N, C-alpha and C. Protein backbone atom coordinates (compact mmCIF):
# COMPACT_ATOMS: atom_id res chain seq x y z
N UNK A 1 52.92 6.93 45.63
CA UNK A 1 53.04 5.35 44.78
C UNK A 1 53.39 5.60 43.29
N UNK A 2 54.80 5.44 43.16
CA UNK A 2 55.38 5.67 41.72
C UNK A 2 55.79 4.40 41.41
N UNK A 3 55.89 4.02 40.22
CA UNK A 3 56.32 2.84 39.75
C UNK A 3 55.10 2.13 38.78
N UNK A 4 55.54 1.11 38.28
CA UNK A 4 54.41 0.61 37.34
C UNK A 4 53.37 -0.31 38.10
N UNK A 5 52.50 -0.55 37.59
CA UNK A 5 51.43 -1.33 38.07
C UNK A 5 51.72 -2.71 38.61
N UNK A 6 52.72 -3.30 37.79
CA UNK A 6 53.23 -4.59 37.79
C UNK A 6 54.22 -4.52 39.19
N UNK A 7 54.96 -3.49 39.60
CA UNK A 7 55.68 -3.22 40.63
C UNK A 7 54.80 -2.96 41.85
N UNK A 8 53.60 -2.36 41.67
CA UNK A 8 52.67 -2.08 43.10
C UNK A 8 52.17 -3.57 43.39
N UNK A 9 51.98 -4.32 42.34
CA UNK A 9 51.21 -5.43 42.56
C UNK A 9 52.29 -6.55 43.22
N UNK A 10 53.48 -6.50 43.04
CA UNK A 10 54.38 -7.35 43.53
C UNK A 10 54.76 -6.82 45.09
N UNK A 11 54.67 -5.83 45.25
CA UNK A 11 55.16 -5.06 46.46
C UNK A 11 53.71 -5.41 47.34
N UNK A 12 52.70 -5.32 46.72
CA UNK A 12 51.37 -5.70 47.79
C UNK A 12 51.29 -6.98 48.01
N UNK A 13 51.80 -8.00 47.20
CA UNK A 13 51.63 -9.32 47.38
C UNK A 13 50.63 -9.87 46.58
N UNK A 14 50.13 -9.24 45.91
CA UNK A 14 48.92 -9.70 45.02
C UNK A 14 49.22 -10.51 43.69
N UNK A 15 50.66 -10.50 43.31
CA UNK A 15 51.10 -11.41 42.02
C UNK A 15 52.54 -11.66 42.65
N UNK A 16 53.14 -12.51 41.98
CA UNK A 16 54.53 -12.94 42.29
C UNK A 16 55.39 -12.98 41.27
N UNK A 17 56.67 -13.17 41.16
CA UNK A 17 57.49 -12.52 39.95
C UNK A 17 57.40 -13.75 38.84
N UNK A 18 56.85 -14.98 39.24
CA UNK A 18 56.62 -15.67 38.01
C UNK A 18 55.50 -15.24 36.95
N UNK A 19 54.59 -14.99 37.67
CA UNK A 19 53.35 -14.21 36.90
C UNK A 19 53.89 -12.77 36.15
N UNK A 20 54.75 -12.17 36.95
CA UNK A 20 55.17 -10.74 36.36
C UNK A 20 55.79 -11.06 34.99
N UNK A 21 56.73 -12.19 35.24
CA UNK A 21 57.70 -12.64 34.18
C UNK A 21 56.79 -13.08 32.80
N UNK A 22 55.80 -13.82 33.29
CA UNK A 22 54.93 -14.73 32.26
C UNK A 22 54.26 -13.42 31.39
N UNK A 23 53.57 -12.33 32.22
CA UNK A 23 52.93 -11.27 31.63
C UNK A 23 53.54 -10.52 30.53
N UNK A 24 54.82 -10.30 31.20
CA UNK A 24 55.98 -9.59 30.29
C UNK A 24 56.47 -10.44 28.94
N UNK A 25 56.80 -11.65 29.14
CA UNK A 25 56.92 -12.52 27.95
C UNK A 25 55.73 -12.39 26.69
N UNK A 26 54.57 -12.49 27.35
CA UNK A 26 53.46 -12.28 26.38
C UNK A 26 53.39 -11.07 25.84
N UNK A 27 53.59 -10.02 26.34
CA UNK A 27 53.54 -8.66 25.71
C UNK A 27 54.67 -8.68 24.78
N UNK A 28 55.57 -9.14 25.00
CA UNK A 28 56.96 -8.90 24.08
C UNK A 28 56.83 -9.86 22.81
N UNK A 29 55.89 -10.89 23.18
CA UNK A 29 55.67 -11.67 21.82
C UNK A 29 54.64 -11.34 21.00
N UNK A 30 53.47 -10.30 21.63
CA UNK A 30 52.59 -9.70 20.77
C UNK A 30 53.27 -8.58 20.12
N UNK A 31 54.27 -7.81 20.81
CA UNK A 31 54.82 -6.81 19.95
C UNK A 31 55.63 -7.36 19.01
N UNK A 32 56.48 -8.36 19.07
CA UNK A 32 57.14 -8.89 17.93
C UNK A 32 56.33 -9.50 16.83
N UNK A 33 55.53 -10.07 17.04
CA UNK A 33 54.59 -10.72 16.18
C UNK A 33 53.73 -9.33 15.16
N UNK A 34 53.53 -8.32 15.98
CA UNK A 34 52.95 -7.24 15.29
C UNK A 34 53.90 -6.74 14.27
N UNK A 35 55.02 -6.52 15.09
CA UNK A 35 56.30 -5.99 14.02
C UNK A 35 56.69 -6.94 12.86
N UNK A 36 56.49 -8.21 13.23
CA UNK A 36 57.00 -8.96 12.02
C UNK A 36 55.68 -9.28 11.13
N UNK A 37 54.79 -9.50 11.41
CA UNK A 37 53.54 -9.60 10.38
C UNK A 37 52.54 -8.40 10.86
N UNK A 38 53.08 -7.36 9.89
CA UNK A 38 52.05 -6.20 9.66
C UNK A 38 50.60 -6.45 9.29
N UNK A 39 50.63 -7.69 8.37
CA UNK A 39 49.25 -8.12 7.83
C UNK A 39 48.43 -8.75 8.70
N UNK A 40 48.85 -9.29 9.67
CA UNK A 40 48.12 -10.08 10.78
C UNK A 40 47.49 -8.72 11.82
N UNK A 41 46.08 -8.50 11.64
CA UNK A 41 45.54 -7.30 12.41
C UNK A 41 44.63 -7.95 13.16
N UNK A 42 44.38 -7.42 14.46
CA UNK A 42 43.38 -7.78 15.39
C UNK A 42 42.10 -7.13 15.01
N UNK A 43 41.00 -7.86 14.97
CA UNK A 43 39.96 -7.59 14.61
C UNK A 43 39.07 -6.85 15.62
N UNK A 44 38.99 -5.47 15.02
CA UNK A 44 38.30 -4.63 16.21
C UNK A 44 36.50 -5.01 15.81
N UNK A 45 36.08 -5.42 17.12
CA UNK A 45 34.75 -5.61 16.99
C UNK A 45 33.68 -4.77 17.13
N UNK A 46 34.38 -3.26 17.55
CA UNK A 46 33.47 -2.18 17.46
C UNK A 46 33.49 -1.66 16.02
N UNK A 47 34.58 -1.78 15.42
CA UNK A 47 34.35 -1.29 13.90
C UNK A 47 33.45 -2.26 13.00
N UNK A 48 33.76 -3.39 13.30
CA UNK A 48 32.63 -4.39 12.60
C UNK A 48 31.11 -4.02 12.81
N UNK A 49 30.88 -3.91 14.15
CA UNK A 49 29.50 -3.55 14.42
C UNK A 49 29.07 -2.29 13.91
N UNK A 50 29.98 -1.07 13.73
CA UNK A 50 29.93 0.13 13.27
C UNK A 50 29.38 0.00 11.93
N UNK A 51 30.15 -0.78 10.96
CA UNK A 51 30.45 -0.97 9.68
C UNK A 51 28.83 -1.69 9.41
N UNK A 52 28.46 -2.92 10.11
CA UNK A 52 27.14 -3.33 9.94
C UNK A 52 25.85 -2.38 10.13
N UNK A 53 26.13 -1.68 11.20
CA UNK A 53 25.07 -0.75 11.46
C UNK A 53 24.82 0.35 10.25
N UNK A 54 26.07 0.83 9.91
CA UNK A 54 26.07 1.77 8.66
C UNK A 54 25.37 0.91 7.37
N UNK A 55 25.75 -0.21 7.09
CA UNK A 55 25.02 -0.99 5.94
C UNK A 55 23.41 -1.11 6.19
N UNK A 56 23.20 -1.53 7.46
CA UNK A 56 21.73 -1.39 7.75
C UNK A 56 21.04 -0.39 7.57
N UNK A 57 21.76 0.93 7.77
CA UNK A 57 21.16 2.16 7.95
C UNK A 57 21.01 2.42 6.45
N UNK A 58 21.82 2.35 5.73
CA UNK A 58 21.87 2.46 4.05
C UNK A 58 20.62 2.02 3.39
N UNK A 59 20.63 0.44 3.85
CA UNK A 59 19.59 -0.51 3.24
C UNK A 59 18.13 0.40 3.58
N UNK A 60 18.05 0.61 4.87
CA UNK A 60 16.72 1.24 5.42
C UNK A 60 16.57 2.72 4.65
N UNK A 61 17.29 3.12 4.51
CA UNK A 61 17.29 4.46 3.86
C UNK A 61 17.02 4.41 2.22
N UNK A 62 17.53 3.56 1.70
CA UNK A 62 17.15 3.07 0.23
C UNK A 62 15.75 2.68 0.16
N UNK A 63 15.39 1.85 1.13
CA UNK A 63 13.82 1.31 1.09
C UNK A 63 12.93 2.50 1.32
N UNK A 64 13.24 3.55 2.23
CA UNK A 64 12.37 4.67 2.55
C UNK A 64 12.50 5.54 1.46
N UNK A 65 13.44 5.69 0.71
CA UNK A 65 13.51 6.53 -0.56
C UNK A 65 12.77 6.00 -1.82
N UNK A 66 12.87 4.57 -1.97
CA UNK A 66 11.94 3.86 -2.64
C UNK A 66 10.59 4.05 -2.53
N UNK A 67 10.17 3.89 -1.41
CA UNK A 67 8.85 3.87 -0.96
C UNK A 67 8.46 5.56 -1.23
N UNK A 68 9.02 6.76 -0.74
CA UNK A 68 8.72 7.99 -1.08
C UNK A 68 8.62 8.22 -2.59
N UNK A 69 9.57 7.75 -3.21
CA UNK A 69 9.55 7.90 -4.72
C UNK A 69 8.21 7.50 -5.35
N UNK A 70 7.79 6.08 -4.94
CA UNK A 70 6.79 5.47 -5.39
C UNK A 70 5.38 6.18 -4.97
N UNK A 71 5.30 6.78 -3.80
CA UNK A 71 4.11 7.65 -3.52
C UNK A 71 4.08 8.77 -4.14
N UNK A 72 5.38 9.27 -4.60
CA UNK A 72 5.37 10.86 -5.28
C UNK A 72 4.69 10.42 -6.76
N UNK A 73 5.07 9.18 -7.20
CA UNK A 73 4.79 8.92 -8.66
C UNK A 73 3.22 8.49 -8.55
N UNK A 74 2.66 7.82 -7.25
CA UNK A 74 1.35 7.81 -7.30
C UNK A 74 0.37 9.14 -7.17
N UNK A 75 0.98 9.92 -6.45
CA UNK A 75 0.33 11.33 -6.38
C UNK A 75 0.50 11.98 -7.73
N UNK A 76 1.34 11.97 -8.51
CA UNK A 76 1.59 12.73 -9.72
C UNK A 76 0.57 12.07 -10.74
N UNK A 77 0.34 10.59 -10.82
CA UNK A 77 -0.50 9.91 -11.82
C UNK A 77 -1.89 10.41 -11.38
N UNK A 78 -2.27 10.60 -10.04
CA UNK A 78 -3.51 11.00 -9.69
C UNK A 78 -4.05 12.41 -10.09
N UNK A 79 -2.68 13.20 -9.71
CA UNK A 79 -2.89 14.63 -10.31
C UNK A 79 -3.21 14.61 -11.74
N UNK A 80 -2.54 13.91 -12.37
CA UNK A 80 -2.65 13.92 -14.31
C UNK A 80 -4.16 13.44 -14.33
N UNK A 81 -4.68 12.37 -13.74
CA UNK A 81 -6.00 11.78 -14.04
C UNK A 81 -7.05 13.03 -13.59
N UNK A 82 -7.03 13.36 -12.29
CA UNK A 82 -7.88 14.40 -11.79
C UNK A 82 -7.91 15.65 -13.02
N UNK A 83 -6.86 16.01 -13.55
CA UNK A 83 -6.57 17.46 -14.44
C UNK A 83 -7.21 16.61 -15.74
N UNK A 84 -7.09 15.50 -16.20
CA UNK A 84 -7.74 15.04 -17.44
C UNK A 84 -9.16 14.91 -17.23
N UNK A 85 -9.78 14.52 -16.04
CA UNK A 85 -11.33 14.58 -16.04
C UNK A 85 -11.81 15.78 -15.78
N UNK A 86 -11.23 16.78 -15.24
CA UNK A 86 -11.52 18.17 -15.03
C UNK A 86 -11.63 18.86 -16.43
N UNK A 87 -10.49 18.89 -17.12
CA UNK A 87 -10.37 19.55 -18.15
C UNK A 87 -11.70 18.98 -19.34
N UNK A 88 -11.94 17.86 -19.55
CA UNK A 88 -12.45 17.01 -20.41
C UNK A 88 -14.01 16.72 -20.12
N UNK A 89 -14.53 17.12 -18.86
CA UNK A 89 -15.79 16.71 -18.29
C UNK A 89 -16.94 17.32 -19.24
N UNK A 90 -17.85 16.46 -19.52
CA UNK A 90 -18.96 16.79 -20.44
C UNK A 90 -20.21 17.10 -19.30
N UNK A 91 -21.07 18.11 -19.91
CA UNK A 91 -22.16 18.43 -19.09
C UNK A 91 -22.90 16.97 -18.51
N UNK A 92 -23.29 17.21 -17.16
CA UNK A 92 -24.52 15.98 -16.67
C UNK A 92 -25.30 16.84 -15.72
N UNK A 93 -26.45 16.09 -15.57
CA UNK A 93 -27.43 16.17 -14.65
C UNK A 93 -28.27 17.56 -15.33
N UNK A 94 -28.62 17.35 -16.63
CA UNK A 94 -29.03 18.52 -17.44
C UNK A 94 -30.17 17.90 -18.19
N UNK A 95 -30.77 16.81 -17.72
CA UNK A 95 -31.66 16.17 -18.45
C UNK A 95 -32.68 15.12 -17.67
N UNK A 96 -33.55 14.72 -18.07
CA UNK A 96 -34.64 13.73 -17.47
C UNK A 96 -34.68 12.63 -17.58
N UNK A 97 -33.54 11.98 -18.48
CA UNK A 97 -33.31 10.73 -18.84
C UNK A 97 -32.57 9.95 -17.86
N UNK A 98 -32.94 9.08 -17.06
CA UNK A 98 -31.81 8.34 -16.09
C UNK A 98 -30.96 7.33 -16.76
N UNK A 99 -29.37 7.69 -16.44
CA UNK A 99 -28.60 6.68 -16.86
C UNK A 99 -28.04 5.88 -15.70
N UNK A 100 -28.28 4.73 -15.64
CA UNK A 100 -27.92 3.56 -14.78
C UNK A 100 -26.80 3.07 -14.80
N UNK A 101 -26.09 2.97 -14.06
CA UNK A 101 -24.56 2.32 -14.22
C UNK A 101 -24.16 1.67 -12.99
N UNK A 102 -23.14 0.58 -12.73
CA UNK A 102 -22.85 0.33 -11.71
C UNK A 102 -21.20 0.73 -11.34
N UNK A 103 -21.29 0.70 -9.92
CA UNK A 103 -19.89 1.09 -9.17
C UNK A 103 -19.93 0.40 -7.89
N UNK A 104 -18.79 -0.57 -8.08
CA UNK A 104 -18.84 -1.50 -6.78
C UNK A 104 -19.86 -1.98 -6.28
N UNK A 105 -20.60 -2.68 -7.43
CA UNK A 105 -21.82 -3.36 -7.06
C UNK A 105 -22.94 -2.68 -6.55
N UNK A 106 -22.79 -1.52 -6.76
CA UNK A 106 -24.25 -0.80 -6.56
C UNK A 106 -24.60 0.12 -7.70
N UNK A 107 -25.74 0.14 -8.02
CA UNK A 107 -26.41 0.73 -8.81
C UNK A 107 -26.64 2.17 -8.67
N UNK A 108 -25.86 3.22 -9.80
CA UNK A 108 -25.97 4.45 -9.36
C UNK A 108 -26.70 5.12 -10.75
N UNK A 109 -26.95 6.38 -10.58
CA UNK A 109 -27.69 6.96 -11.81
C UNK A 109 -27.05 8.51 -11.71
N UNK A 110 -27.34 8.63 -13.12
CA UNK A 110 -27.01 10.19 -13.40
C UNK A 110 -28.46 10.69 -14.28
N UNK A 111 -28.72 11.69 -14.07
CA UNK A 111 -30.05 12.23 -14.85
C UNK A 111 -29.20 13.15 -16.17
N UNK A 112 -29.30 12.68 -17.47
CA UNK A 112 -28.82 13.51 -18.55
C UNK A 112 -29.85 13.40 -19.67
N UNK A 113 -29.32 14.41 -20.67
CA UNK A 113 -30.28 14.63 -21.83
C UNK A 113 -30.24 13.54 -22.73
N UNK A 114 -31.07 13.41 -23.81
CA UNK A 114 -30.96 12.34 -24.80
C UNK A 114 -29.75 12.13 -25.61
N UNK A 115 -29.03 13.09 -25.85
CA UNK A 115 -27.85 13.12 -26.61
C UNK A 115 -26.95 12.42 -25.94
N UNK A 116 -26.50 12.89 -24.64
CA UNK A 116 -25.52 12.48 -23.79
C UNK A 116 -25.87 10.89 -23.53
N UNK A 117 -27.35 10.46 -23.22
CA UNK A 117 -27.58 9.22 -22.82
C UNK A 117 -26.85 8.39 -24.13
N UNK A 118 -27.44 8.94 -25.43
CA UNK A 118 -27.18 8.15 -26.54
C UNK A 118 -25.55 7.90 -26.69
N UNK A 119 -24.65 9.19 -26.24
CA UNK A 119 -23.32 9.09 -26.47
C UNK A 119 -22.61 7.84 -25.36
N UNK A 120 -23.30 7.94 -24.26
CA UNK A 120 -22.67 6.93 -23.27
C UNK A 120 -22.89 5.44 -23.88
N UNK A 121 -24.28 5.21 -23.92
CA UNK A 121 -24.60 4.02 -24.39
C UNK A 121 -24.16 3.47 -25.88
N UNK A 122 -23.59 4.43 -26.48
CA UNK A 122 -22.72 4.04 -27.68
C UNK A 122 -21.21 4.12 -27.66
N UNK A 123 -20.75 4.32 -26.34
CA UNK A 123 -19.64 4.08 -25.79
C UNK A 123 -18.65 5.56 -26.71
N UNK A 124 -19.55 6.65 -26.56
CA UNK A 124 -18.54 7.65 -27.13
C UNK A 124 -18.42 8.35 -26.05
N UNK A 125 -18.95 8.43 -24.71
CA UNK A 125 -18.49 9.00 -23.45
C UNK A 125 -18.37 7.76 -22.42
N UNK A 126 -17.60 7.89 -21.75
CA UNK A 126 -17.46 7.02 -20.67
C UNK A 126 -17.59 7.67 -18.90
N UNK A 127 -17.78 7.07 -17.93
CA UNK A 127 -18.22 7.66 -16.70
C UNK A 127 -16.80 7.28 -15.71
N UNK A 128 -16.32 8.18 -15.47
CA UNK A 128 -15.07 8.15 -14.58
C UNK A 128 -15.35 8.86 -13.25
N UNK A 129 -14.52 8.63 -12.25
CA UNK A 129 -14.54 9.39 -10.98
C UNK A 129 -13.09 9.12 -10.38
N UNK A 130 -12.95 10.42 -9.63
CA UNK A 130 -11.73 10.52 -9.03
C UNK A 130 -12.05 10.74 -7.59
N UNK A 131 -13.14 10.98 -7.32
CA UNK A 131 -13.73 11.20 -5.74
C UNK A 131 -14.83 10.06 -5.57
N UNK A 132 -15.01 9.50 -4.43
CA UNK A 132 -15.92 8.54 -3.85
C UNK A 132 -17.37 9.37 -4.33
N UNK A 133 -18.44 8.77 -5.10
CA UNK A 133 -19.61 9.21 -5.32
C UNK A 133 -19.62 10.77 -6.30
N UNK A 134 -18.66 10.96 -6.87
CA UNK A 134 -18.41 11.93 -7.63
C UNK A 134 -18.19 11.41 -9.11
N UNK A 135 -19.03 11.31 -9.91
CA UNK A 135 -18.84 10.97 -11.33
C UNK A 135 -18.84 11.95 -12.44
N UNK A 136 -18.25 11.70 -13.27
CA UNK A 136 -18.11 12.83 -14.54
C UNK A 136 -18.14 11.87 -16.02
N UNK A 137 -18.72 12.60 -16.76
CA UNK A 137 -18.43 11.95 -18.22
C UNK A 137 -17.40 12.75 -19.10
N UNK A 138 -16.79 11.76 -19.85
CA UNK A 138 -15.35 12.20 -20.51
C UNK A 138 -15.52 11.52 -21.79
N UNK A 139 -15.16 11.83 -22.89
CA UNK A 139 -15.01 11.31 -24.19
C UNK A 139 -14.04 9.94 -24.21
N UNK A 140 -14.32 8.94 -24.94
CA UNK A 140 -13.78 7.67 -24.82
C UNK A 140 -12.17 7.91 -24.86
N UNK A 141 -11.74 8.74 -25.96
CA UNK A 141 -10.19 8.73 -25.98
C UNK A 141 -9.66 9.06 -24.62
N UNK A 142 -10.34 9.97 -24.02
CA UNK A 142 -9.64 10.66 -22.59
C UNK A 142 -9.82 9.43 -21.55
N UNK A 143 -11.05 8.64 -21.64
CA UNK A 143 -11.21 7.75 -20.78
C UNK A 143 -10.12 6.35 -21.13
N UNK A 144 -9.51 6.18 -22.28
CA UNK A 144 -8.59 5.41 -22.45
C UNK A 144 -7.20 5.84 -21.96
N UNK A 145 -7.00 7.20 -21.94
CA UNK A 145 -5.88 7.82 -21.31
C UNK A 145 -5.82 7.50 -19.71
N UNK A 146 -7.00 7.86 -18.91
CA UNK A 146 -7.40 7.66 -17.64
C UNK A 146 -6.83 6.04 -17.25
N UNK A 147 -7.82 5.35 -18.15
CA UNK A 147 -7.39 3.90 -18.06
C UNK A 147 -5.88 3.28 -17.90
N UNK A 148 -5.14 4.06 -18.82
CA UNK A 148 -3.69 3.65 -18.80
C UNK A 148 -2.87 4.10 -17.47
N UNK A 149 -3.50 5.20 -16.88
CA UNK A 149 -2.64 5.60 -15.72
C UNK A 149 -3.32 5.12 -14.40
N UNK A 150 -4.82 4.95 -14.46
CA UNK A 150 -5.22 4.74 -12.95
C UNK A 150 -6.76 3.75 -13.36
N UNK A 151 -6.63 2.72 -13.68
CA UNK A 151 -7.67 2.10 -14.07
C UNK A 151 -8.93 1.92 -13.22
N UNK A 152 -8.94 1.99 -11.72
CA UNK A 152 -9.94 2.11 -11.21
C UNK A 152 -10.64 3.35 -11.15
N UNK A 153 -10.08 4.36 -12.01
CA UNK A 153 -10.97 5.60 -11.96
C UNK A 153 -12.22 5.49 -13.31
N UNK A 154 -11.99 4.57 -13.85
CA UNK A 154 -12.68 4.29 -15.21
C UNK A 154 -14.13 3.40 -14.57
N UNK A 155 -15.12 3.98 -14.45
CA UNK A 155 -16.26 3.42 -13.87
C UNK A 155 -17.00 2.36 -14.86
N UNK A 156 -17.34 3.31 -15.80
CA UNK A 156 -18.34 2.39 -16.95
C UNK A 156 -17.99 2.87 -18.18
N UNK A 157 -17.93 2.12 -19.29
CA UNK A 157 -17.67 2.23 -20.43
C UNK A 157 -18.58 1.37 -21.32
N UNK A 158 -19.57 1.75 -22.14
CA UNK A 158 -20.55 0.72 -22.87
C UNK A 158 -19.45 -0.58 -23.35
N UNK A 159 -20.57 -1.44 -23.80
CA UNK A 159 -19.94 -2.82 -24.44
C UNK A 159 -19.45 -2.57 -25.85
N UNK A 160 -20.02 -1.56 -26.21
CA UNK A 160 -19.64 -1.39 -27.99
C UNK A 160 -18.19 -0.47 -27.86
N UNK A 161 -17.49 -0.14 -27.08
CA UNK A 161 -16.15 0.47 -26.84
C UNK A 161 -15.29 0.00 -27.85
N UNK A 162 -15.36 -1.33 -27.84
CA UNK A 162 -13.98 -1.79 -28.92
C UNK A 162 -14.51 -1.40 -30.28
N UNK A 163 -15.60 -1.59 -30.59
CA UNK A 163 -15.89 -1.05 -32.11
C UNK A 163 -15.85 0.38 -32.24
N UNK A 164 -16.16 1.10 -31.33
CA UNK A 164 -15.85 2.58 -31.29
C UNK A 164 -14.29 3.02 -31.55
N UNK A 165 -13.45 2.28 -30.80
CA UNK A 165 -12.14 2.50 -30.98
C UNK A 165 -11.68 2.33 -32.13
N UNK A 166 -12.16 1.10 -32.96
CA UNK A 166 -11.76 0.69 -34.39
C UNK A 166 -12.26 1.86 -35.17
N UNK A 167 -13.54 2.36 -35.15
CA UNK A 167 -14.12 3.15 -35.85
C UNK A 167 -13.11 4.69 -35.82
N UNK A 168 -12.72 4.87 -34.40
CA UNK A 168 -12.16 6.02 -34.11
C UNK A 168 -10.71 6.00 -34.82
N UNK A 169 -10.25 5.08 -34.91
CA UNK A 169 -8.86 4.74 -35.67
C UNK A 169 -8.96 5.22 -37.14
N UNK A 170 -10.12 4.64 -37.72
CA UNK A 170 -10.59 4.79 -39.27
C UNK A 170 -11.01 6.07 -39.29
N UNK A 171 -11.50 6.77 -38.52
CA UNK A 171 -12.48 8.11 -38.54
C UNK A 171 -11.68 9.10 -37.36
N UNK A 172 -10.73 9.90 -37.75
CA UNK A 172 -10.19 10.80 -36.98
C UNK A 172 -11.01 11.90 -36.56
N UNK A 173 -11.98 12.26 -37.10
CA UNK A 173 -13.02 13.25 -36.83
C UNK A 173 -14.04 12.97 -35.65
N UNK A 174 -13.63 12.55 -34.55
CA UNK A 174 -14.65 12.13 -33.75
C UNK A 174 -15.02 13.56 -32.90
N UNK A 175 -14.43 14.49 -33.30
CA UNK A 175 -15.06 15.67 -32.99
C UNK A 175 -15.82 16.51 -33.79
N UNK A 176 -16.19 15.90 -34.93
CA UNK A 176 -16.84 16.55 -36.10
C UNK A 176 -18.22 17.02 -35.62
N UNK A 177 -18.83 16.19 -34.64
CA UNK A 177 -20.28 16.51 -34.08
C UNK A 177 -20.28 17.59 -33.69
N UNK A 178 -19.34 18.18 -33.05
CA UNK A 178 -19.54 19.58 -32.40
C UNK A 178 -19.81 20.64 -33.16
N UNK A 179 -20.70 21.41 -32.64
CA UNK A 179 -21.03 22.37 -33.49
C UNK A 179 -19.92 23.64 -33.51
N UNK A 180 -19.55 24.31 -34.32
CA UNK A 180 -18.60 25.52 -34.74
C UNK A 180 -19.42 26.58 -34.67
N UNK A 181 -19.12 27.60 -33.60
CA UNK A 181 -19.77 28.67 -33.75
C UNK A 181 -19.17 29.58 -35.14
N UNK A 182 -20.47 30.39 -35.54
CA UNK A 182 -20.20 31.18 -36.66
C UNK A 182 -19.00 32.13 -36.92
N UNK A 183 -18.96 32.67 -35.90
CA UNK A 183 -17.82 33.24 -36.03
C UNK A 183 -16.10 32.83 -36.22
N UNK A 184 -16.23 31.62 -36.02
CA UNK A 184 -14.94 30.85 -36.23
C UNK A 184 -15.07 29.87 -37.45
N UNK A 185 -15.95 29.94 -38.43
CA UNK A 185 -15.95 29.36 -39.52
C UNK A 185 -14.94 30.24 -40.48
N UNK A 186 -14.34 29.15 -41.26
CA UNK A 186 -13.30 30.13 -42.38
C UNK A 186 -13.41 29.16 -43.69
């Protein structure tokens, strides 16, 4: 079976000469139009679909990357807060005085000594937490840093905190109450 498909269809009787000439004219017109107007291009639907799929994938990838960056930032902030709490934690559970405070509408308590109780009630110390039902005492300036990074970590600050912040700005020696060992005096 040699010859074109057109010849084979004519021989088998599935097409007649008029249909063959009409098809030939159509092809000829398409070729001429293509040569005459190269600006007119036939839109390739597969290319459009591929381009749309690529754009959708890029948008999805951007959204995933933004979510991952946000999660990494939250982990970094949490690590900073945990570090601030661990480094600046004050002694607790070292006394007989009960220190009551609320956390999520539940009354919680710590047993502290008299000095620590006084510091908490005068807003020199704040109660913070980075784990559920784990509470630490930190100085007020550290609690302010924690508050700016992760507000939900600060559990309790006494009502006189604003006055102490104002006094702290005036008096930068908030650490003056700490005893200096004899071998460090100069």
